[in-house]
Amino acid sequence: MLPLKEAIAEKHSLAEKMTFNQRMFNGELSNEEYVLYLSQQLAIFDAIEIHELPHPSLDRAGKVFEDIKELVGEGQIQITPLASTNEYRKYLNTLTKEQLLPHVYLNYLAIMFGGQMMKKNVPGSGKMYEFEGDMREIAGTIRAVQKDEWADEANKALDYNINILNELQRVSESASSETAVDGGEIA
């Protein structure tokens, strides 16, 4: 059996190379696109955080909501989960606390580590990427329960995340083509 990190390396690399992810990393997302991304993150974290996490500082839903509020204003908040996000959320809701751990591993460590590079390139202050306490200690609480047997489930989590990134890019492309049309003519 491969170590977990090696077993998910191929799909992890694919997720990192997704167009939407690259645009976010390069600081190319509009506020609206980033808020839509945050809405997906909020839906995922809400589904996972119905169970206790390995460390209380991992909780992200409140931080994501603060980011959304900062970018759109308190009275304008509208959370819009995409179809792919709803599929993932439905799946997460079928899992036990123990079965959710590979999804905690994938989603939370990604925000904790890869997210630190993203934070400087996204609209707003990026509270989602801020963890209270020592990040190594917090990550250690996940790594302490980590198992190589999680590979299939972590790859499934990556598949869901790849689908979400694909749908986010399609929505972005659709929205940008709509704004390019002005009075029936291409602007």
N, C-alpha and C. Protein backbone atom coordinates (compact mmCIF):
# COMPACT_ATOMS: atom_id res chain seq x y z
N MET A 1 0.85 -1.18 0.00
CA MET A 1 0.00 0.00 0.00
C MET A 1 0.90 1.25 0.00
N LEU A 2 0.58 2.15 -0.91
CA LEU A 2 1.33 3.40 -0.99
C LEU A 2 1.03 4.31 0.19
N PRO A 3 2.00 5.12 0.60
CA PRO A 3 1.70 6.15 1.59
C PRO A 3 0.62 7.09 1.03
N LEU A 4 -0.21 7.64 1.89
CA LEU A 4 -1.36 8.44 1.48
C LEU A 4 -0.97 9.56 0.51
N LYS A 5 0.06 10.30 0.84
CA LYS A 5 0.45 11.44 0.00
C LYS A 5 0.78 10.98 -1.43
N GLU A 6 1.47 9.85 -1.55
CA GLU A 6 1.80 9.30 -2.87
C GLU A 6 0.55 8.78 -3.58
N ALA A 7 -0.35 8.17 -2.83
CA ALA A 7 -1.55 7.56 -3.41
C ALA A 7 -2.51 8.60 -3.99
N ILE A 8 -2.42 9.84 -3.51
CA ILE A 8 -3.31 10.88 -4.02
C ILE A 8 -2.57 11.91 -4.88
N ALA A 9 -1.29 11.71 -5.09
CA ALA A 9 -0.45 12.71 -5.78
C ALA A 9 -0.96 13.06 -7.17
N GLU A 10 -1.39 12.07 -7.94
CA GLU A 10 -1.82 12.32 -9.32
C GLU A 10 -3.05 13.23 -9.36
N LYS A 11 -4.07 12.89 -8.58
CA LYS A 11 -5.28 13.71 -8.57
C LYS A 11 -5.04 15.07 -7.90
N HIS A 12 -4.18 15.08 -6.90
CA HIS A 12 -3.84 16.34 -6.24
C HIS A 12 -3.19 17.29 -7.24
N SER A 13 -2.28 16.78 -8.04
CA SER A 13 -1.62 17.58 -9.07
C SER A 13 -2.63 18.08 -10.10
N LEU A 14 -3.56 17.23 -10.49
CA LEU A 14 -4.60 17.61 -11.44
C LEU A 14 -5.45 18.76 -10.87
N ALA A 15 -5.84 18.64 -9.60
CA ALA A 15 -6.64 19.69 -8.96
C ALA A 15 -5.89 21.01 -8.94
N GLU A 16 -4.61 20.96 -8.63
CA GLU A 16 -3.81 22.19 -8.58
C GLU A 16 -3.72 22.86 -9.94
N LYS A 17 -3.78 22.07 -11.01
CA LYS A 17 -3.63 22.61 -12.37
C LYS A 17 -4.95 23.04 -13.00
N MET A 18 -6.05 22.87 -12.29
CA MET A 18 -7.35 23.26 -12.83
C MET A 18 -7.34 24.76 -13.14
N THR A 19 -7.97 25.15 -14.24
CA THR A 19 -7.96 26.55 -14.68
C THR A 19 -8.43 27.49 -13.59
N PHE A 20 -9.54 27.18 -12.93
CA PHE A 20 -10.06 28.08 -11.89
C PHE A 20 -9.04 28.23 -10.77
N ASN A 21 -8.45 27.13 -10.35
CA ASN A 21 -7.45 27.14 -9.29
C ASN A 21 -6.24 28.00 -9.69
N GLN A 22 -5.79 27.84 -10.93
CA GLN A 22 -4.65 28.62 -11.41
C GLN A 22 -4.99 30.11 -11.45
N ARG A 23 -6.20 30.42 -11.89
CA ARG A 23 -6.63 31.82 -11.92
C ARG A 23 -6.67 32.39 -10.50
N MET A 24 -7.11 31.60 -9.53
CA MET A 24 -7.15 32.07 -8.15
C MET A 24 -5.71 32.28 -7.65
N PHE A 25 -4.84 31.33 -7.93
CA PHE A 25 -3.45 31.42 -7.50
C PHE A 25 -2.75 32.65 -8.11
N ASN A 26 -3.13 33.00 -9.34
CA ASN A 26 -2.53 34.15 -10.02
C ASN A 26 -3.21 35.48 -9.71
N GLY A 27 -4.22 35.45 -8.83
CA GLY A 27 -4.90 36.69 -8.45
C GLY A 27 -5.81 37.23 -9.54
N GLU A 28 -6.38 36.36 -10.37
CA GLU A 28 -7.17 36.77 -11.52
C GLU A 28 -8.68 36.66 -11.32
N LEU A 29 -9.13 36.31 -10.11
CA LEU A 29 -10.56 36.17 -9.89
C LEU A 29 -11.18 37.51 -9.50
N SER A 30 -12.36 37.76 -10.03
CA SER A 30 -13.13 38.93 -9.61
C SER A 30 -13.69 38.67 -8.21
N ASN A 31 -14.16 39.70 -7.56
CA ASN A 31 -14.82 39.52 -6.26
C ASN A 31 -15.96 38.52 -6.38
N GLU A 32 -16.77 38.64 -7.44
CA GLU A 32 -17.93 37.77 -7.62
C GLU A 32 -17.51 36.31 -7.77
N GLU A 33 -16.46 36.07 -8.55
CA GLU A 33 -15.98 34.70 -8.74
C GLU A 33 -15.46 34.13 -7.43
N TYR A 34 -14.75 34.95 -6.68
CA TYR A 34 -14.19 34.47 -5.41
C TYR A 34 -15.30 34.22 -4.39
N VAL A 35 -16.30 35.07 -4.37
CA VAL A 35 -17.44 34.85 -3.46
C VAL A 35 -18.16 33.55 -3.82
N LEU A 36 -18.29 33.26 -5.11
CA LEU A 36 -18.91 32.00 -5.51
C LEU A 36 -18.06 30.83 -5.04
N TYR A 37 -16.74 30.94 -5.17
CA TYR A 37 -15.83 29.91 -4.66
C TYR A 37 -16.02 29.75 -3.14
N LEU A 38 -16.05 30.87 -2.43
CA LEU A 38 -16.23 30.82 -0.97
C LEU A 38 -17.55 30.16 -0.60
N SER A 39 -18.58 30.40 -1.39
CA SER A 39 -19.89 29.77 -1.12
C SER A 39 -19.78 28.25 -1.18
N GLN A 40 -18.96 27.74 -2.11
CA GLN A 40 -18.76 26.30 -2.22
C GLN A 40 -18.00 25.78 -1.00
N GLN A 41 -16.98 26.54 -0.59
CA GLN A 41 -16.21 26.15 0.59
C GLN A 41 -17.10 26.13 1.83
N LEU A 42 -17.94 27.13 1.96
CA LEU A 42 -18.84 27.19 3.12
C LEU A 42 -19.76 25.98 3.15
N ALA A 43 -20.31 25.60 2.01
CA ALA A 43 -21.20 24.43 1.96
C ALA A 43 -20.45 23.16 2.37
N ILE A 44 -19.21 23.01 1.91
CA ILE A 44 -18.41 21.83 2.25
C ILE A 44 -18.07 21.83 3.74
N PHE A 45 -17.58 22.95 4.24
CA PHE A 45 -17.21 23.01 5.66
C PHE A 45 -18.43 22.84 6.57
N ASP A 46 -19.57 23.40 6.18
CA ASP A 46 -20.79 23.20 6.98
C ASP A 46 -21.13 21.71 7.09
N ALA A 47 -20.99 20.98 5.99
CA ALA A 47 -21.31 19.55 6.00
C ALA A 47 -20.33 18.76 6.87
N ILE A 48 -19.06 19.14 6.82
CA ILE A 48 -18.05 18.42 7.61
C ILE A 48 -18.14 18.80 9.08
N GLU A 49 -18.40 20.07 9.36
CA GLU A 49 -18.32 20.57 10.72
C GLU A 49 -19.54 20.26 11.59
N ILE A 50 -20.47 19.45 11.08
CA ILE A 50 -21.52 18.95 11.96
C ILE A 50 -20.92 17.95 12.94
N HIS A 51 -19.75 17.42 12.58
CA HIS A 51 -19.00 16.53 13.47
C HIS A 51 -17.83 17.30 14.07
N GLU A 52 -17.38 16.85 15.22
CA GLU A 52 -16.24 17.48 15.87
C GLU A 52 -14.97 17.21 15.06
N LEU A 53 -14.18 18.25 14.88
CA LEU A 53 -12.92 18.14 14.14
C LEU A 53 -11.80 17.78 15.11
N PRO A 54 -10.66 17.28 14.58
CA PRO A 54 -9.55 16.91 15.46
C PRO A 54 -9.00 18.06 16.31
N HIS A 55 -9.22 19.31 15.89
CA HIS A 55 -8.76 20.48 16.66
C HIS A 55 -9.77 21.61 16.46
N PRO A 56 -10.15 22.32 17.53
CA PRO A 56 -11.17 23.38 17.39
C PRO A 56 -10.75 24.52 16.45
N SER A 57 -9.46 24.76 16.29
CA SER A 57 -9.01 25.83 15.40
C SER A 57 -9.17 25.48 13.92
N LEU A 58 -9.55 24.24 13.62
CA LEU A 58 -9.79 23.86 12.23
C LEU A 58 -11.10 24.43 11.70
N ASP A 59 -12.06 24.70 12.57
CA ASP A 59 -13.37 25.20 12.11
C ASP A 59 -13.18 26.33 11.11
N ARG A 60 -13.76 26.18 9.93
CA ARG A 60 -13.60 27.17 8.87
C ARG A 60 -14.89 27.88 8.49
N ALA A 61 -16.04 27.29 8.74
CA ALA A 61 -17.29 27.86 8.24
C ALA A 61 -17.47 29.32 8.67
N GLY A 62 -17.22 29.62 9.92
CA GLY A 62 -17.38 31.00 10.40
C GLY A 62 -16.41 31.95 9.72
N LYS A 63 -15.18 31.51 9.49
CA LYS A 63 -14.17 32.34 8.82
C LYS A 63 -14.56 32.60 7.36
N VAL A 64 -15.06 31.57 6.68
CA VAL A 64 -15.49 31.73 5.29
C VAL A 64 -16.66 32.72 5.23
N PHE A 65 -17.59 32.59 6.16
CA PHE A 65 -18.73 33.50 6.19
C PHE A 65 -18.26 34.95 6.39
N GLU A 66 -17.26 35.15 7.26
CA GLU A 66 -16.70 36.50 7.46
C GLU A 66 -16.11 37.04 6.17
N ASP A 67 -15.42 36.19 5.41
CA ASP A 67 -14.86 36.62 4.12
C ASP A 67 -15.96 37.04 3.15
N ILE A 68 -17.01 36.23 3.08
CA ILE A 68 -18.14 36.55 2.19
C ILE A 68 -18.75 37.88 2.61
N LYS A 69 -18.99 38.04 3.90
CA LYS A 69 -19.59 39.28 4.42
C LYS A 69 -18.71 40.49 4.08
N GLU A 70 -17.41 40.35 4.21
CA GLU A 70 -16.48 41.43 3.89
C GLU A 70 -16.59 41.84 2.42
N LEU A 71 -16.74 40.86 1.54
CA LEU A 71 -16.73 41.13 0.10
C LEU A 71 -18.07 41.60 -0.46
N VAL A 72 -19.17 41.19 0.14
CA VAL A 72 -20.48 41.55 -0.44
C VAL A 72 -21.31 42.47 0.45
N GLY A 73 -20.96 42.61 1.70
CA GLY A 73 -21.77 43.40 2.61
C GLY A 73 -22.81 42.54 3.30
N GLU A 74 -23.09 42.88 4.53
CA GLU A 74 -23.94 42.03 5.37
C GLU A 74 -25.32 41.76 4.78
N GLY A 75 -25.97 42.76 4.23
CA GLY A 75 -27.33 42.58 3.71
C GLY A 75 -27.39 41.90 2.36
N GLN A 76 -26.25 41.67 1.73
CA GLN A 76 -26.21 41.14 0.37
C GLN A 76 -25.81 39.66 0.30
N ILE A 77 -25.66 39.02 1.43
CA ILE A 77 -25.14 37.65 1.44
C ILE A 77 -26.15 36.68 0.84
N GLN A 78 -25.68 35.96 -0.17
CA GLN A 78 -26.49 34.95 -0.82
C GLN A 78 -25.57 33.76 -1.10
N ILE A 79 -25.75 32.69 -0.39
CA ILE A 79 -24.91 31.51 -0.55
C ILE A 79 -25.50 30.65 -1.66
N THR A 80 -24.68 30.36 -2.68
CA THR A 80 -25.16 29.64 -3.85
C THR A 80 -24.32 28.39 -4.10
N PRO A 81 -24.69 27.25 -3.50
CA PRO A 81 -23.95 26.02 -3.81
C PRO A 81 -24.26 25.57 -5.24
N LEU A 82 -23.24 25.20 -5.97
CA LEU A 82 -23.40 24.68 -7.32
C LEU A 82 -23.85 23.22 -7.26
N ALA A 83 -24.29 22.69 -8.39
CA ALA A 83 -24.76 21.29 -8.42
C ALA A 83 -23.67 20.33 -7.95
N SER A 84 -22.43 20.55 -8.38
CA SER A 84 -21.33 19.66 -7.98
C SER A 84 -21.06 19.75 -6.48
N THR A 85 -21.22 20.93 -5.92
CA THR A 85 -21.04 21.11 -4.48
C THR A 85 -22.16 20.41 -3.72
N ASN A 86 -23.38 20.52 -4.22
CA ASN A 86 -24.51 19.83 -3.58
C ASN A 86 -24.31 18.32 -3.60
N GLU A 87 -23.76 17.79 -4.70
CA GLU A 87 -23.47 16.35 -4.76
C GLU A 87 -22.47 15.96 -3.67
N TYR A 88 -21.42 16.76 -3.54
CA TYR A 88 -20.39 16.48 -2.53
C TYR A 88 -20.99 16.57 -1.13
N ARG A 89 -21.77 17.60 -0.92
CA ARG A 89 -22.39 17.79 0.40
C ARG A 89 -23.30 16.61 0.75
N LYS A 90 -24.09 16.18 -0.21
CA LYS A 90 -24.97 15.01 0.03
C LYS A 90 -24.14 13.79 0.40
N TYR A 91 -23.03 13.60 -0.31
CA TYR A 91 -22.16 12.46 -0.01
C TYR A 91 -21.58 12.59 1.39
N LEU A 92 -21.06 13.77 1.73
CA LEU A 92 -20.49 13.99 3.06
C LEU A 92 -21.50 13.70 4.16
N ASN A 93 -22.76 14.03 3.91
CA ASN A 93 -23.80 13.81 4.91
C ASN A 93 -24.09 12.34 5.16
N THR A 94 -23.60 11.44 4.29
CA THR A 94 -23.80 10.00 4.50
C THR A 94 -22.69 9.38 5.33
N LEU A 95 -21.63 10.14 5.61
CA LEU A 95 -20.45 9.59 6.28
C LEU A 95 -20.48 9.78 7.79
N THR A 96 -19.85 8.85 8.48
CA THR A 96 -19.69 8.98 9.93
C THR A 96 -18.51 9.92 10.21
N LYS A 97 -18.33 10.27 11.46
CA LYS A 97 -17.20 11.12 11.85
C LYS A 97 -15.88 10.50 11.41
N GLU A 98 -15.74 9.21 11.61
CA GLU A 98 -14.51 8.50 11.22
C GLU A 98 -14.33 8.50 9.70
N GLN A 99 -15.40 8.26 8.97
CA GLN A 99 -15.32 8.23 7.51
C GLN A 99 -15.04 9.61 6.91
N LEU A 100 -15.35 10.66 7.66
CA LEU A 100 -15.10 12.03 7.19
C LEU A 100 -13.63 12.44 7.29
N LEU A 101 -12.85 11.72 8.08
CA LEU A 101 -11.47 12.15 8.33
C LEU A 101 -10.62 12.32 7.06
N PRO A 102 -10.74 11.46 6.05
CA PRO A 102 -9.96 11.72 4.82
C PRO A 102 -10.36 13.05 4.16
N HIS A 103 -11.62 13.42 4.30
CA HIS A 103 -12.11 14.69 3.73
C HIS A 103 -11.60 15.87 4.56
N VAL A 104 -11.48 15.66 5.87
CA VAL A 104 -10.86 16.68 6.73
C VAL A 104 -9.41 16.84 6.31
N TYR A 105 -8.72 15.73 6.17
CA TYR A 105 -7.31 15.74 5.74
C TYR A 105 -7.15 16.56 4.46
N LEU A 106 -7.96 16.24 3.48
CA LEU A 106 -7.80 16.88 2.17
C LEU A 106 -8.22 18.35 2.19
N ASN A 107 -9.41 18.64 2.68
CA ASN A 107 -9.94 20.01 2.59
C ASN A 107 -9.28 20.98 3.55
N TYR A 108 -8.96 20.54 4.75
CA TYR A 108 -8.43 21.46 5.75
C TYR A 108 -6.92 21.67 5.60
N LEU A 109 -6.19 20.61 5.32
CA LEU A 109 -4.75 20.80 5.12
C LEU A 109 -4.48 21.59 3.85
N ALA A 110 -5.34 21.46 2.85
CA ALA A 110 -5.18 22.26 1.63
C ALA A 110 -5.31 23.75 1.94
N ILE A 111 -6.30 24.10 2.74
CA ILE A 111 -6.50 25.50 3.13
C ILE A 111 -5.34 25.96 4.01
N MET A 112 -4.91 25.08 4.89
CA MET A 112 -3.86 25.44 5.84
C MET A 112 -2.53 25.68 5.15
N PHE A 113 -2.17 24.85 4.19
CA PHE A 113 -0.84 24.95 3.59
C PHE A 113 -0.89 25.63 2.22
N GLY A 114 -1.56 25.04 1.25
CA GLY A 114 -1.66 25.69 -0.06
C GLY A 114 -2.34 27.03 0.02
N GLY A 115 -3.26 27.14 0.95
CA GLY A 115 -4.01 28.38 1.12
C GLY A 115 -3.15 29.57 1.52
N GLN A 116 -2.04 29.31 2.18
CA GLN A 116 -1.17 30.42 2.59
C GLN A 116 -0.59 31.12 1.37
N MET A 117 -0.37 30.38 0.29
CA MET A 117 0.10 31.00 -0.95
C MET A 117 -1.05 31.72 -1.66
N MET A 118 -2.26 31.20 -1.53
CA MET A 118 -3.43 31.81 -2.17
C MET A 118 -3.84 33.11 -1.50
N LYS A 119 -3.69 33.17 -0.20
CA LYS A 119 -4.23 34.27 0.60
C LYS A 119 -3.86 35.65 0.05
N LYS A 120 -2.64 35.82 -0.38
CA LYS A 120 -2.20 37.14 -0.85
C LYS A 120 -2.75 37.49 -2.22
N ASN A 121 -3.35 36.52 -2.92
CA ASN A 121 -3.82 36.74 -4.28
C ASN A 121 -5.33 36.76 -4.43
N VAL A 122 -6.06 36.64 -3.33
CA VAL A 122 -7.53 36.61 -3.42
C VAL A 122 -8.11 37.93 -2.94
N PRO A 123 -9.30 38.27 -3.43
CA PRO A 123 -9.95 39.48 -2.95
C PRO A 123 -10.22 39.40 -1.44
N GLY A 124 -10.16 40.52 -0.77
CA GLY A 124 -10.47 40.57 0.67
C GLY A 124 -9.28 40.16 1.52
N SER A 125 -9.54 40.02 2.81
CA SER A 125 -8.47 39.77 3.77
C SER A 125 -8.12 38.29 3.93
N GLY A 126 -8.95 37.38 3.42
CA GLY A 126 -8.62 35.95 3.45
C GLY A 126 -8.65 35.33 4.84
N LYS A 127 -9.67 35.62 5.61
CA LYS A 127 -9.78 35.06 6.96
C LYS A 127 -9.84 33.53 6.94
N MET A 128 -10.35 32.97 5.84
CA MET A 128 -10.46 31.52 5.73
C MET A 128 -9.10 30.85 5.93
N TYR A 129 -8.04 31.55 5.55
CA TYR A 129 -6.69 30.98 5.60
C TYR A 129 -5.98 31.23 6.93
N GLU A 130 -6.65 31.89 7.86
CA GLU A 130 -6.04 32.22 9.15
C GLU A 130 -6.46 31.20 10.21
N PHE A 131 -5.49 30.63 10.87
CA PHE A 131 -5.73 29.65 11.91
C PHE A 131 -5.21 30.19 13.23
N GLU A 132 -6.02 30.05 14.28
CA GLU A 132 -5.60 30.52 15.61
C GLU A 132 -4.75 29.44 16.27
N GLY A 133 -3.52 29.80 16.61
CA GLY A 133 -2.62 28.84 17.25
C GLY A 133 -1.51 28.42 16.31
N ASP A 134 -0.75 27.47 16.74
CA ASP A 134 0.39 26.95 16.00
C ASP A 134 -0.11 26.02 14.89
N MET A 135 0.10 26.41 13.64
CA MET A 135 -0.41 25.61 12.53
C MET A 135 0.18 24.21 12.49
N ARG A 136 1.44 24.05 12.89
CA ARG A 136 2.04 22.71 12.90
C ARG A 136 1.33 21.81 13.92
N GLU A 137 1.00 22.39 15.07
CA GLU A 137 0.29 21.62 16.10
C GLU A 137 -1.11 21.26 15.61
N ILE A 138 -1.79 22.21 14.99
CA ILE A 138 -3.14 21.97 14.48
C ILE A 138 -3.11 20.88 13.41
N ALA A 139 -2.19 21.02 12.44
CA ALA A 139 -2.05 20.01 11.39
C ALA A 139 -1.68 18.65 11.99
N GLY A 140 -0.89 18.69 13.05
CA GLY A 140 -0.48 17.45 13.72
C GLY A 140 -1.64 16.65 14.27
N THR A 141 -2.75 17.33 14.61
CA THR A 141 -3.91 16.61 15.12
C THR A 141 -4.58 15.79 14.01
N ILE A 142 -4.45 16.26 12.77
CA ILE A 142 -4.96 15.48 11.63
C ILE A 142 -3.96 14.38 11.30
N ARG A 143 -2.71 14.74 11.26
CA ARG A 143 -1.67 13.75 10.91
C ARG A 143 -1.59 12.61 11.94
N ALA A 144 -1.96 12.90 13.19
CA ALA A 144 -1.91 11.87 14.24
C ALA A 144 -2.92 10.76 13.98
N VAL A 145 -4.00 11.06 13.27
CA VAL A 145 -5.02 10.04 12.98
C VAL A 145 -4.96 9.57 11.53
N GLN A 146 -4.11 10.19 10.73
CA GLN A 146 -3.98 9.91 9.30
C GLN A 146 -3.60 8.44 9.05
N LYS A 147 -4.22 7.87 8.01
CA LYS A 147 -3.95 6.47 7.65
C LYS A 147 -3.77 6.35 6.14
N ASP A 148 -2.86 5.50 5.74
CA ASP A 148 -2.67 5.23 4.31
C ASP A 148 -3.94 4.64 3.70
N GLU A 149 -4.75 3.97 4.52
CA GLU A 149 -6.00 3.37 4.05
C GLU A 149 -7.01 4.43 3.59
N TRP A 150 -6.73 5.68 3.84
CA TRP A 150 -7.63 6.76 3.42
C TRP A 150 -7.54 7.06 1.94
N ALA A 151 -6.61 6.47 1.24
CA ALA A 151 -6.32 6.86 -0.15
C ALA A 151 -7.57 6.89 -1.04
N ASP A 152 -8.37 5.83 -1.01
CA ASP A 152 -9.55 5.79 -1.87
C ASP A 152 -10.51 6.94 -1.56
N GLU A 153 -10.74 7.15 -0.27
CA GLU A 153 -11.68 8.20 0.15
C GLU A 153 -11.10 9.60 -0.13
N ALA A 154 -9.81 9.79 0.07
CA ALA A 154 -9.18 11.08 -0.22
C ALA A 154 -9.20 11.36 -1.72
N ASN A 155 -9.01 10.33 -2.53
CA ASN A 155 -9.12 10.49 -3.98
C ASN A 155 -10.54 10.82 -4.40
N LYS A 156 -11.51 10.25 -3.69
CA LYS A 156 -12.92 10.57 -3.95
C LYS A 156 -13.16 12.06 -3.63
N ALA A 157 -12.59 12.53 -2.53
CA ALA A 157 -12.71 13.95 -2.16
C ALA A 157 -12.08 14.83 -3.24
N LEU A 158 -10.95 14.41 -3.77
CA LEU A 158 -10.31 15.16 -4.87
C LEU A 158 -11.19 15.17 -6.11
N ASP A 159 -11.83 14.03 -6.42
CA ASP A 159 -12.75 13.99 -7.57
C ASP A 159 -13.86 15.02 -7.40
N TYR A 160 -14.45 15.07 -6.21
CA TYR A 160 -15.50 16.06 -5.95
C TYR A 160 -14.95 17.47 -6.10
N ASN A 161 -13.77 17.74 -5.56
CA ASN A 161 -13.18 19.08 -5.66
C ASN A 161 -12.86 19.45 -7.10
N ILE A 162 -12.39 18.50 -7.89
CA ILE A 162 -12.12 18.74 -9.31
C ILE A 162 -13.41 19.09 -10.04
N ASN A 163 -14.48 18.36 -9.75
CA ASN A 163 -15.78 18.66 -10.36
C ASN A 163 -16.25 20.07 -9.99
N ILE A 164 -16.06 20.46 -8.74
CA ILE A 164 -16.45 21.79 -8.29
C ILE A 164 -15.63 22.85 -9.02
N LEU A 165 -14.31 22.64 -9.12
CA LEU A 165 -13.45 23.61 -9.82
C LEU A 165 -13.83 23.71 -11.30
N ASN A 166 -14.18 22.59 -11.93
CA ASN A 166 -14.65 22.61 -13.32
C ASN A 166 -15.92 23.44 -13.44
N GLU A 167 -16.87 23.21 -12.54
CA GLU A 167 -18.13 23.94 -12.61
C GLU A 167 -17.94 25.42 -12.33
N LEU A 168 -17.06 25.75 -11.38
CA LEU A 168 -16.76 27.16 -11.11
C LEU A 168 -16.20 27.84 -12.36
N GLN A 169 -15.32 27.16 -13.09
CA GLN A 169 -14.75 27.73 -14.31
C GLN A 169 -15.82 27.90 -15.38
N ARG A 170 -16.70 26.91 -15.53
CA ARG A 170 -17.79 27.02 -16.53
C ARG A 170 -18.69 28.20 -16.20
N VAL A 171 -19.02 28.38 -14.92
CA VAL A 171 -19.88 29.50 -14.51
C VAL A 171 -19.16 30.82 -14.80
N SER A 172 -17.87 30.89 -14.50
CA SER A 172 -17.10 32.10 -14.77
C SER A 172 -17.07 32.43 -16.25
N GLU A 173 -16.84 31.42 -17.09
CA GLU A 173 -16.80 31.63 -18.54
C GLU A 173 -18.15 32.06 -19.05
N SER A 174 -19.20 31.46 -18.53
CA SER A 174 -20.56 31.82 -18.94
C SER A 174 -20.88 33.26 -18.55
N ALA A 175 -20.52 33.63 -17.33
CA ALA A 175 -20.78 35.00 -16.85
C ALA A 175 -19.98 36.02 -17.65
N SER A 176 -18.74 35.71 -17.99
CA SER A 176 -17.93 36.67 -18.73
C SER A 176 -18.40 36.80 -20.17
N SER A 177 -18.93 35.73 -20.76
CA SER A 177 -19.45 35.85 -22.13
C SER A 177 -20.76 36.64 -22.14
N GLU A 178 -21.55 36.53 -21.05
CA GLU A 178 -22.77 37.32 -20.95
C GLU A 178 -22.48 38.80 -20.81
N THR A 179 -21.43 39.17 -20.06
CA THR A 179 -21.12 40.59 -19.89
C THR A 179 -20.44 41.16 -21.13
N ALA A 180 -19.93 40.30 -22.00
CA ALA A 180 -19.32 40.78 -23.25
C ALA A 180 -20.38 41.18 -24.27
N VAL A 181 -21.60 40.70 -24.06
CA VAL A 181 -22.69 41.03 -24.99
C VAL A 181 -23.38 42.28 -24.46
N ASP A 182 -23.45 43.28 -25.33
CA ASP A 182 -24.08 44.55 -24.95
C ASP A 182 -25.10 44.92 -26.01
N GLY A 183 -26.37 44.83 -25.67
CA GLY A 183 -27.41 45.18 -26.62
C GLY A 183 -27.42 44.29 -27.86
N GLY A 184 -27.06 43.03 -27.67
CA GLY A 184 -27.09 42.10 -28.78
C GLY A 184 -25.81 42.11 -29.61
N GLU A 185 -24.92 43.04 -29.35
CA GLU A 185 -23.65 43.08 -30.09
C GLU A 185 -22.51 42.72 -29.14
N ILE A 186 -21.50 42.15 -29.71
CA ILE A 186 -20.32 41.85 -28.89
C ILE A 186 -19.61 43.17 -28.60
N ALA A 187 -19.36 43.41 -27.33
CA ALA A 187 -18.74 44.69 -26.94
C ALA A 187 -17.26 44.71 -27.28
